[in-house]
C-alpha cells in the first residue's frame, strides 16, 4: 500500500488559468502518496467555484477512493477535467474530503506565493 501523508501546506497557494486567479488559500493541504510528487488540495471556500463545472469523468484510487472531476471555464478557454476531488475518501485520506486539487499543466499553474 502506498503511504499517504497529509499535512497543512506552508504559506499561501494559488491556482491560475486563463489569466484568472481561481483559488488562493492559506489553508491548503499537501498530500504526498508514495514516491509521487505532492499534490495541493484547496478548500472550496478558497476557490472561485463559478469557474468550475463538474464533468462526467470519474476515477478510482485503491488508497484514496473515488474521484470526480471538474473542468475549468474561463473567458478565453475551457480546460477539461483540470481538477478533481474525493467527496468520500477512504480513511487514510479522510482529511481531503471535499477539497479540490488541480493538475499543473501549461494552462493551469498551482504555485506557492
N, C-alpha and C. Protein backbone atom coordinates (compact mmCIF):
# COMPACT_ATOMS: atom_id res chain seq x y z
N UNK A 1 0.84 -1.19 0.00
CA UNK A 1 0.00 0.00 0.00
C UNK A 1 0.88 1.25 0.00
N UNK A 2 0.54 2.20 -0.86
CA UNK A 2 1.30 3.45 -0.92
C UNK A 2 1.03 4.25 0.36
N UNK A 3 2.09 4.76 0.95
CA UNK A 3 1.94 5.57 2.16
C UNK A 3 1.42 6.95 1.77
N UNK A 4 0.35 7.37 2.42
CA UNK A 4 -0.23 8.68 2.19
C UNK A 4 0.06 9.55 3.41
N UNK A 5 0.63 10.73 3.15
CA UNK A 5 0.91 11.71 4.20
C UNK A 5 0.17 12.99 3.83
N UNK A 6 -0.59 13.53 4.79
CA UNK A 6 -1.32 14.78 4.57
C UNK A 6 -0.92 15.75 5.66
N UNK A 7 -0.56 16.97 5.25
CA UNK A 7 -0.21 18.00 6.23
C UNK A 7 -0.65 19.35 5.69
N UNK A 8 -0.71 20.34 6.57
CA UNK A 8 -1.03 21.70 6.14
C UNK A 8 0.09 22.19 5.23
N UNK A 9 -0.28 22.75 4.08
CA UNK A 9 0.71 23.28 3.14
C UNK A 9 1.22 24.61 3.68
N UNK A 10 2.53 24.79 3.68
CA UNK A 10 3.12 26.04 4.17
C UNK A 10 2.80 27.19 3.23
N UNK A 11 2.52 28.35 3.79
CA UNK A 11 2.37 29.57 3.01
C UNK A 11 1.02 29.68 2.32
N UNK A 12 0.98 30.54 1.31
CA UNK A 12 -0.22 30.80 0.52
C UNK A 12 -0.06 30.15 -0.84
N UNK A 13 -1.07 29.42 -1.27
CA UNK A 13 -1.05 28.73 -2.56
C UNK A 13 -2.12 29.31 -3.47
N UNK A 14 -1.82 29.40 -4.77
CA UNK A 14 -2.79 29.91 -5.74
C UNK A 14 -2.92 28.95 -6.91
N UNK A 15 -4.04 29.10 -7.61
CA UNK A 15 -4.28 28.42 -8.89
C UNK A 15 -4.65 29.50 -9.88
N UNK A 16 -3.96 29.51 -11.04
CA UNK A 16 -4.25 30.47 -12.11
C UNK A 16 -4.49 29.72 -13.40
N UNK A 17 -5.47 30.22 -14.18
CA UNK A 17 -5.75 29.65 -15.50
C UNK A 17 -6.46 30.71 -16.33
N UNK A 18 -6.13 30.79 -17.60
CA UNK A 18 -6.81 31.74 -18.49
C UNK A 18 -6.73 33.17 -18.03
N UNK A 19 -5.64 33.54 -17.36
CA UNK A 19 -5.46 34.90 -16.89
C UNK A 19 -6.20 35.22 -15.60
N UNK A 20 -6.89 34.25 -15.03
CA UNK A 20 -7.66 34.47 -13.81
C UNK A 20 -7.06 33.70 -12.64
N UNK A 21 -7.20 34.28 -11.45
CA UNK A 21 -6.83 33.56 -10.22
C UNK A 21 -8.08 32.79 -9.80
N UNK A 22 -7.99 31.46 -9.82
CA UNK A 22 -9.14 30.62 -9.49
C UNK A 22 -9.21 30.27 -8.01
N UNK A 23 -8.04 30.27 -7.36
CA UNK A 23 -8.00 29.91 -5.94
C UNK A 23 -6.82 30.59 -5.28
N UNK A 24 -7.01 30.92 -4.02
CA UNK A 24 -5.92 31.42 -3.18
C UNK A 24 -6.23 30.98 -1.76
N UNK A 25 -5.26 30.29 -1.16
CA UNK A 25 -5.54 29.72 0.16
C UNK A 25 -4.31 29.67 1.05
N UNK A 26 -4.54 29.98 2.32
CA UNK A 26 -3.53 29.74 3.35
C UNK A 26 -3.90 28.47 4.14
N UNK A 27 -4.99 27.80 3.73
CA UNK A 27 -5.49 26.62 4.43
C UNK A 27 -5.44 25.37 3.56
N UNK A 28 -4.60 25.39 2.54
CA UNK A 28 -4.49 24.23 1.65
C UNK A 28 -3.77 23.08 2.37
N UNK A 29 -4.03 21.87 1.89
CA UNK A 29 -3.36 20.69 2.41
C UNK A 29 -2.44 20.10 1.35
N UNK A 30 -1.33 19.56 1.81
CA UNK A 30 -0.36 18.92 0.92
C UNK A 30 -0.46 17.41 1.13
N UNK A 31 -0.76 16.69 0.06
CA UNK A 31 -0.86 15.23 0.13
C UNK A 31 0.31 14.63 -0.63
N UNK A 32 1.04 13.75 0.03
CA UNK A 32 2.13 13.00 -0.61
C UNK A 32 1.73 11.53 -0.58
N UNK A 33 1.85 10.89 -1.74
CA UNK A 33 1.50 9.47 -1.87
C UNK A 33 2.69 8.73 -2.46
N UNK A 34 3.29 7.87 -1.64
CA UNK A 34 4.44 7.09 -2.11
C UNK A 34 5.55 7.98 -2.65
N UNK A 35 6.03 7.67 -3.84
CA UNK A 35 7.11 8.45 -4.47
C UNK A 35 6.60 9.49 -5.45
N UNK A 36 5.28 9.69 -5.53
CA UNK A 36 4.72 10.69 -6.44
C UNK A 36 4.98 12.10 -5.91
N UNK A 37 5.03 13.10 -6.80
CA UNK A 37 5.14 14.49 -6.32
C UNK A 37 3.92 14.85 -5.47
N UNK A 38 4.10 15.75 -4.50
CA UNK A 38 2.98 16.15 -3.65
C UNK A 38 1.91 16.87 -4.47
N UNK A 39 0.69 16.84 -3.95
CA UNK A 39 -0.46 17.50 -4.57
C UNK A 39 -1.07 18.43 -3.54
N UNK A 40 -1.44 19.63 -3.97
CA UNK A 40 -2.07 20.60 -3.09
C UNK A 40 -3.58 20.53 -3.26
N UNK A 41 -4.28 20.38 -2.14
CA UNK A 41 -5.75 20.34 -2.12
C UNK A 41 -6.26 21.63 -1.49
N UNK A 42 -7.22 22.26 -2.16
CA UNK A 42 -7.75 23.56 -1.75
C UNK A 42 -9.16 23.43 -1.17
N UNK A 43 -9.43 24.13 -0.05
CA UNK A 43 -10.81 24.18 0.46
C UNK A 43 -11.70 24.91 -0.56
N UNK A 44 -12.91 24.45 -0.70
CA UNK A 44 -13.83 25.06 -1.68
C UNK A 44 -14.08 26.54 -1.40
N UNK A 45 -14.08 26.92 -0.12
CA UNK A 45 -14.35 28.34 0.18
C UNK A 45 -13.23 29.26 -0.31
N UNK A 46 -12.08 28.69 -0.68
CA UNK A 46 -10.96 29.48 -1.20
C UNK A 46 -10.84 29.38 -2.72
N UNK A 47 -11.85 28.79 -3.37
CA UNK A 47 -11.85 28.61 -4.83
C UNK A 47 -13.02 29.40 -5.41
N UNK A 48 -12.78 30.05 -6.55
CA UNK A 48 -13.86 30.71 -7.28
C UNK A 48 -14.62 29.61 -8.03
N UNK A 49 -15.57 28.98 -7.32
CA UNK A 49 -16.26 27.80 -7.85
C UNK A 49 -17.05 28.09 -9.14
N UNK A 50 -17.35 29.36 -9.41
CA UNK A 50 -18.07 29.71 -10.64
C UNK A 50 -17.27 29.31 -11.89
N UNK A 51 -15.95 29.18 -11.75
CA UNK A 51 -15.11 28.78 -12.89
C UNK A 51 -15.11 27.27 -13.11
N UNK A 52 -15.63 26.50 -12.16
CA UNK A 52 -15.57 25.05 -12.24
C UNK A 52 -16.93 24.45 -12.55
N UNK A 53 -16.91 23.42 -13.39
CA UNK A 53 -18.13 22.69 -13.71
C UNK A 53 -17.81 21.21 -13.61
N UNK A 54 -18.63 20.48 -12.86
CA UNK A 54 -18.39 19.05 -12.71
C UNK A 54 -18.52 18.37 -14.07
N UNK A 55 -17.59 17.47 -14.37
CA UNK A 55 -17.61 16.75 -15.64
C UNK A 55 -18.14 15.34 -15.42
N UNK A 56 -18.24 14.57 -16.48
CA UNK A 56 -18.71 13.19 -16.39
C UNK A 56 -17.61 12.23 -15.97
N UNK A 57 -16.36 12.69 -15.97
CA UNK A 57 -15.24 11.81 -15.68
C UNK A 57 -15.18 11.45 -14.19
N UNK A 58 -14.78 10.22 -13.91
CA UNK A 58 -14.51 9.79 -12.55
C UNK A 58 -13.36 8.79 -12.61
N UNK A 59 -12.75 8.54 -11.48
CA UNK A 59 -11.67 7.55 -11.42
C UNK A 59 -11.67 6.94 -10.02
N UNK A 60 -10.92 5.85 -9.88
CA UNK A 60 -10.83 5.18 -8.60
C UNK A 60 -9.37 4.98 -8.23
N UNK A 61 -9.03 5.37 -7.01
CA UNK A 61 -7.70 5.12 -6.45
C UNK A 61 -7.89 4.08 -5.34
N UNK A 62 -7.10 2.99 -5.35
CA UNK A 62 -7.29 1.99 -4.30
C UNK A 62 -6.97 2.51 -2.90
N UNK A 63 -6.24 3.63 -2.79
CA UNK A 63 -5.84 4.16 -1.49
C UNK A 63 -6.70 5.35 -1.05
N UNK A 64 -7.20 6.13 -2.02
CA UNK A 64 -7.97 7.33 -1.68
C UNK A 64 -9.46 7.18 -1.94
N UNK A 65 -9.85 6.32 -2.88
CA UNK A 65 -11.27 6.12 -3.18
C UNK A 65 -11.65 6.65 -4.54
N UNK A 66 -12.92 7.08 -4.69
CA UNK A 66 -13.47 7.52 -5.97
C UNK A 66 -13.34 9.04 -6.10
N UNK A 67 -12.81 9.47 -7.24
CA UNK A 67 -12.64 10.90 -7.52
C UNK A 67 -13.63 11.34 -8.59
N UNK A 68 -14.11 12.57 -8.45
CA UNK A 68 -14.88 13.17 -9.52
C UNK A 68 -14.10 14.38 -10.04
N UNK A 69 -14.34 14.73 -11.28
CA UNK A 69 -13.52 15.73 -11.96
C UNK A 69 -14.31 16.97 -12.31
N UNK A 70 -13.57 18.05 -12.52
CA UNK A 70 -14.14 19.35 -12.86
C UNK A 70 -13.38 19.94 -14.04
N UNK A 71 -14.11 20.61 -14.92
CA UNK A 71 -13.49 21.38 -16.00
C UNK A 71 -13.49 22.84 -15.57
N UNK A 72 -12.47 23.56 -16.05
CA UNK A 72 -12.34 24.99 -15.76
C UNK A 72 -12.85 25.76 -16.96
N UNK A 73 -13.73 26.74 -16.70
CA UNK A 73 -14.25 27.62 -17.76
C UNK A 73 -13.79 29.04 -17.46
N UNK A 74 -12.94 29.59 -18.34
CA UNK A 74 -12.54 30.99 -18.22
C UNK A 74 -13.08 31.74 -19.44
N UNK A 75 -12.87 33.04 -19.49
CA UNK A 75 -13.34 33.82 -20.63
C UNK A 75 -12.72 33.32 -21.94
N UNK A 76 -11.46 32.86 -21.86
CA UNK A 76 -10.73 32.52 -23.08
C UNK A 76 -10.73 31.04 -23.44
N UNK A 77 -11.07 30.16 -22.49
CA UNK A 77 -10.93 28.73 -22.79
C UNK A 77 -11.68 27.86 -21.80
N UNK A 78 -11.86 26.60 -22.21
CA UNK A 78 -12.34 25.55 -21.31
C UNK A 78 -11.23 24.53 -21.20
N UNK A 79 -10.88 24.16 -19.98
CA UNK A 79 -9.83 23.17 -19.74
C UNK A 79 -10.52 21.96 -19.12
N UNK A 80 -10.67 20.92 -19.92
CA UNK A 80 -11.42 19.75 -19.49
C UNK A 80 -10.71 18.97 -18.40
N UNK A 81 -11.49 18.51 -17.43
CA UNK A 81 -11.00 17.61 -16.37
C UNK A 81 -9.71 18.10 -15.73
N UNK A 82 -9.68 19.39 -15.39
CA UNK A 82 -8.47 20.03 -14.87
C UNK A 82 -8.34 19.94 -13.35
N UNK A 83 -9.39 19.48 -12.68
CA UNK A 83 -9.37 19.42 -11.22
C UNK A 83 -10.16 18.19 -10.78
N UNK A 84 -9.92 17.77 -9.54
CA UNK A 84 -10.63 16.61 -9.02
C UNK A 84 -10.81 16.72 -7.53
N UNK A 85 -11.75 15.94 -7.02
CA UNK A 85 -11.96 15.88 -5.57
C UNK A 85 -12.42 14.48 -5.18
N UNK A 86 -12.18 14.16 -3.93
CA UNK A 86 -12.67 12.93 -3.32
C UNK A 86 -13.73 13.35 -2.31
N UNK A 87 -14.98 13.09 -2.62
CA UNK A 87 -16.07 13.51 -1.73
C UNK A 87 -16.14 12.65 -0.48
N UNK A 88 -15.91 11.35 -0.64
CA UNK A 88 -15.95 10.41 0.48
C UNK A 88 -14.73 9.50 0.42
N UNK A 89 -13.55 10.06 0.71
CA UNK A 89 -12.33 9.26 0.57
C UNK A 89 -12.23 8.15 1.60
N UNK A 90 -11.33 7.23 1.33
CA UNK A 90 -11.05 6.16 2.29
C UNK A 90 -10.42 6.77 3.54
N UNK A 91 -10.43 6.05 4.66
CA UNK A 91 -9.94 6.62 5.93
C UNK A 91 -8.52 7.20 5.86
N UNK A 92 -7.63 6.61 5.08
CA UNK A 92 -6.25 7.11 5.00
C UNK A 92 -6.18 8.52 4.42
N UNK A 93 -7.22 8.94 3.70
CA UNK A 93 -7.23 10.26 3.07
C UNK A 93 -8.41 11.10 3.53
N UNK A 94 -8.98 10.80 4.68
CA UNK A 94 -10.20 11.46 5.16
C UNK A 94 -10.07 12.98 5.21
N UNK A 95 -8.87 13.50 5.47
CA UNK A 95 -8.69 14.95 5.61
C UNK A 95 -8.94 15.73 4.32
N UNK A 96 -8.88 15.06 3.16
CA UNK A 96 -9.07 15.78 1.89
C UNK A 96 -10.51 15.71 1.40
N UNK A 97 -11.42 15.17 2.19
CA UNK A 97 -12.83 15.05 1.77
C UNK A 97 -13.36 16.40 1.33
N UNK A 98 -13.86 16.47 0.09
CA UNK A 98 -14.47 17.68 -0.43
C UNK A 98 -13.51 18.75 -0.90
N UNK A 99 -12.21 18.61 -0.63
CA UNK A 99 -11.25 19.57 -1.11
C UNK A 99 -10.98 19.31 -2.60
N UNK A 100 -10.46 20.30 -3.30
CA UNK A 100 -10.23 20.17 -4.75
C UNK A 100 -8.77 20.39 -5.07
N UNK A 101 -8.23 19.50 -5.91
CA UNK A 101 -6.85 19.62 -6.40
C UNK A 101 -6.88 19.89 -7.90
N UNK A 102 -5.83 20.51 -8.40
CA UNK A 102 -5.74 20.90 -9.81
C UNK A 102 -4.50 20.28 -10.45
N UNK A 103 -4.65 19.81 -11.69
CA UNK A 103 -3.49 19.34 -12.45
C UNK A 103 -2.67 20.55 -12.87
N UNK A 104 -1.37 20.52 -12.62
CA UNK A 104 -0.48 21.57 -13.11
C UNK A 104 -0.13 21.24 -14.55
N UNK A 105 -0.47 22.15 -15.46
CA UNK A 105 -0.22 21.94 -16.89
C UNK A 105 0.26 23.25 -17.49
N UNK A 106 0.42 23.28 -18.80
CA UNK A 106 0.80 24.52 -19.48
C UNK A 106 -0.32 25.56 -19.37
N UNK A 107 -1.55 25.11 -19.06
CA UNK A 107 -2.70 26.02 -18.97
C UNK A 107 -3.12 26.34 -17.54
N UNK A 108 -2.63 25.55 -16.57
CA UNK A 108 -3.02 25.72 -15.17
C UNK A 108 -1.77 25.77 -14.30
N UNK A 109 -1.64 26.82 -13.51
CA UNK A 109 -0.49 26.97 -12.62
C UNK A 109 -0.95 26.83 -11.18
N UNK A 110 -0.29 25.93 -10.44
CA UNK A 110 -0.52 25.78 -8.99
C UNK A 110 0.79 26.19 -8.34
N UNK A 111 0.77 27.30 -7.60
CA UNK A 111 2.03 27.86 -7.10
C UNK A 111 1.90 28.37 -5.68
N UNK A 112 3.00 28.29 -4.97
CA UNK A 112 3.11 28.94 -3.66
C UNK A 112 3.57 30.35 -3.91
N UNK A 113 2.90 31.31 -3.29
CA UNK A 113 3.25 32.73 -3.50
C UNK A 113 3.76 33.36 -2.23
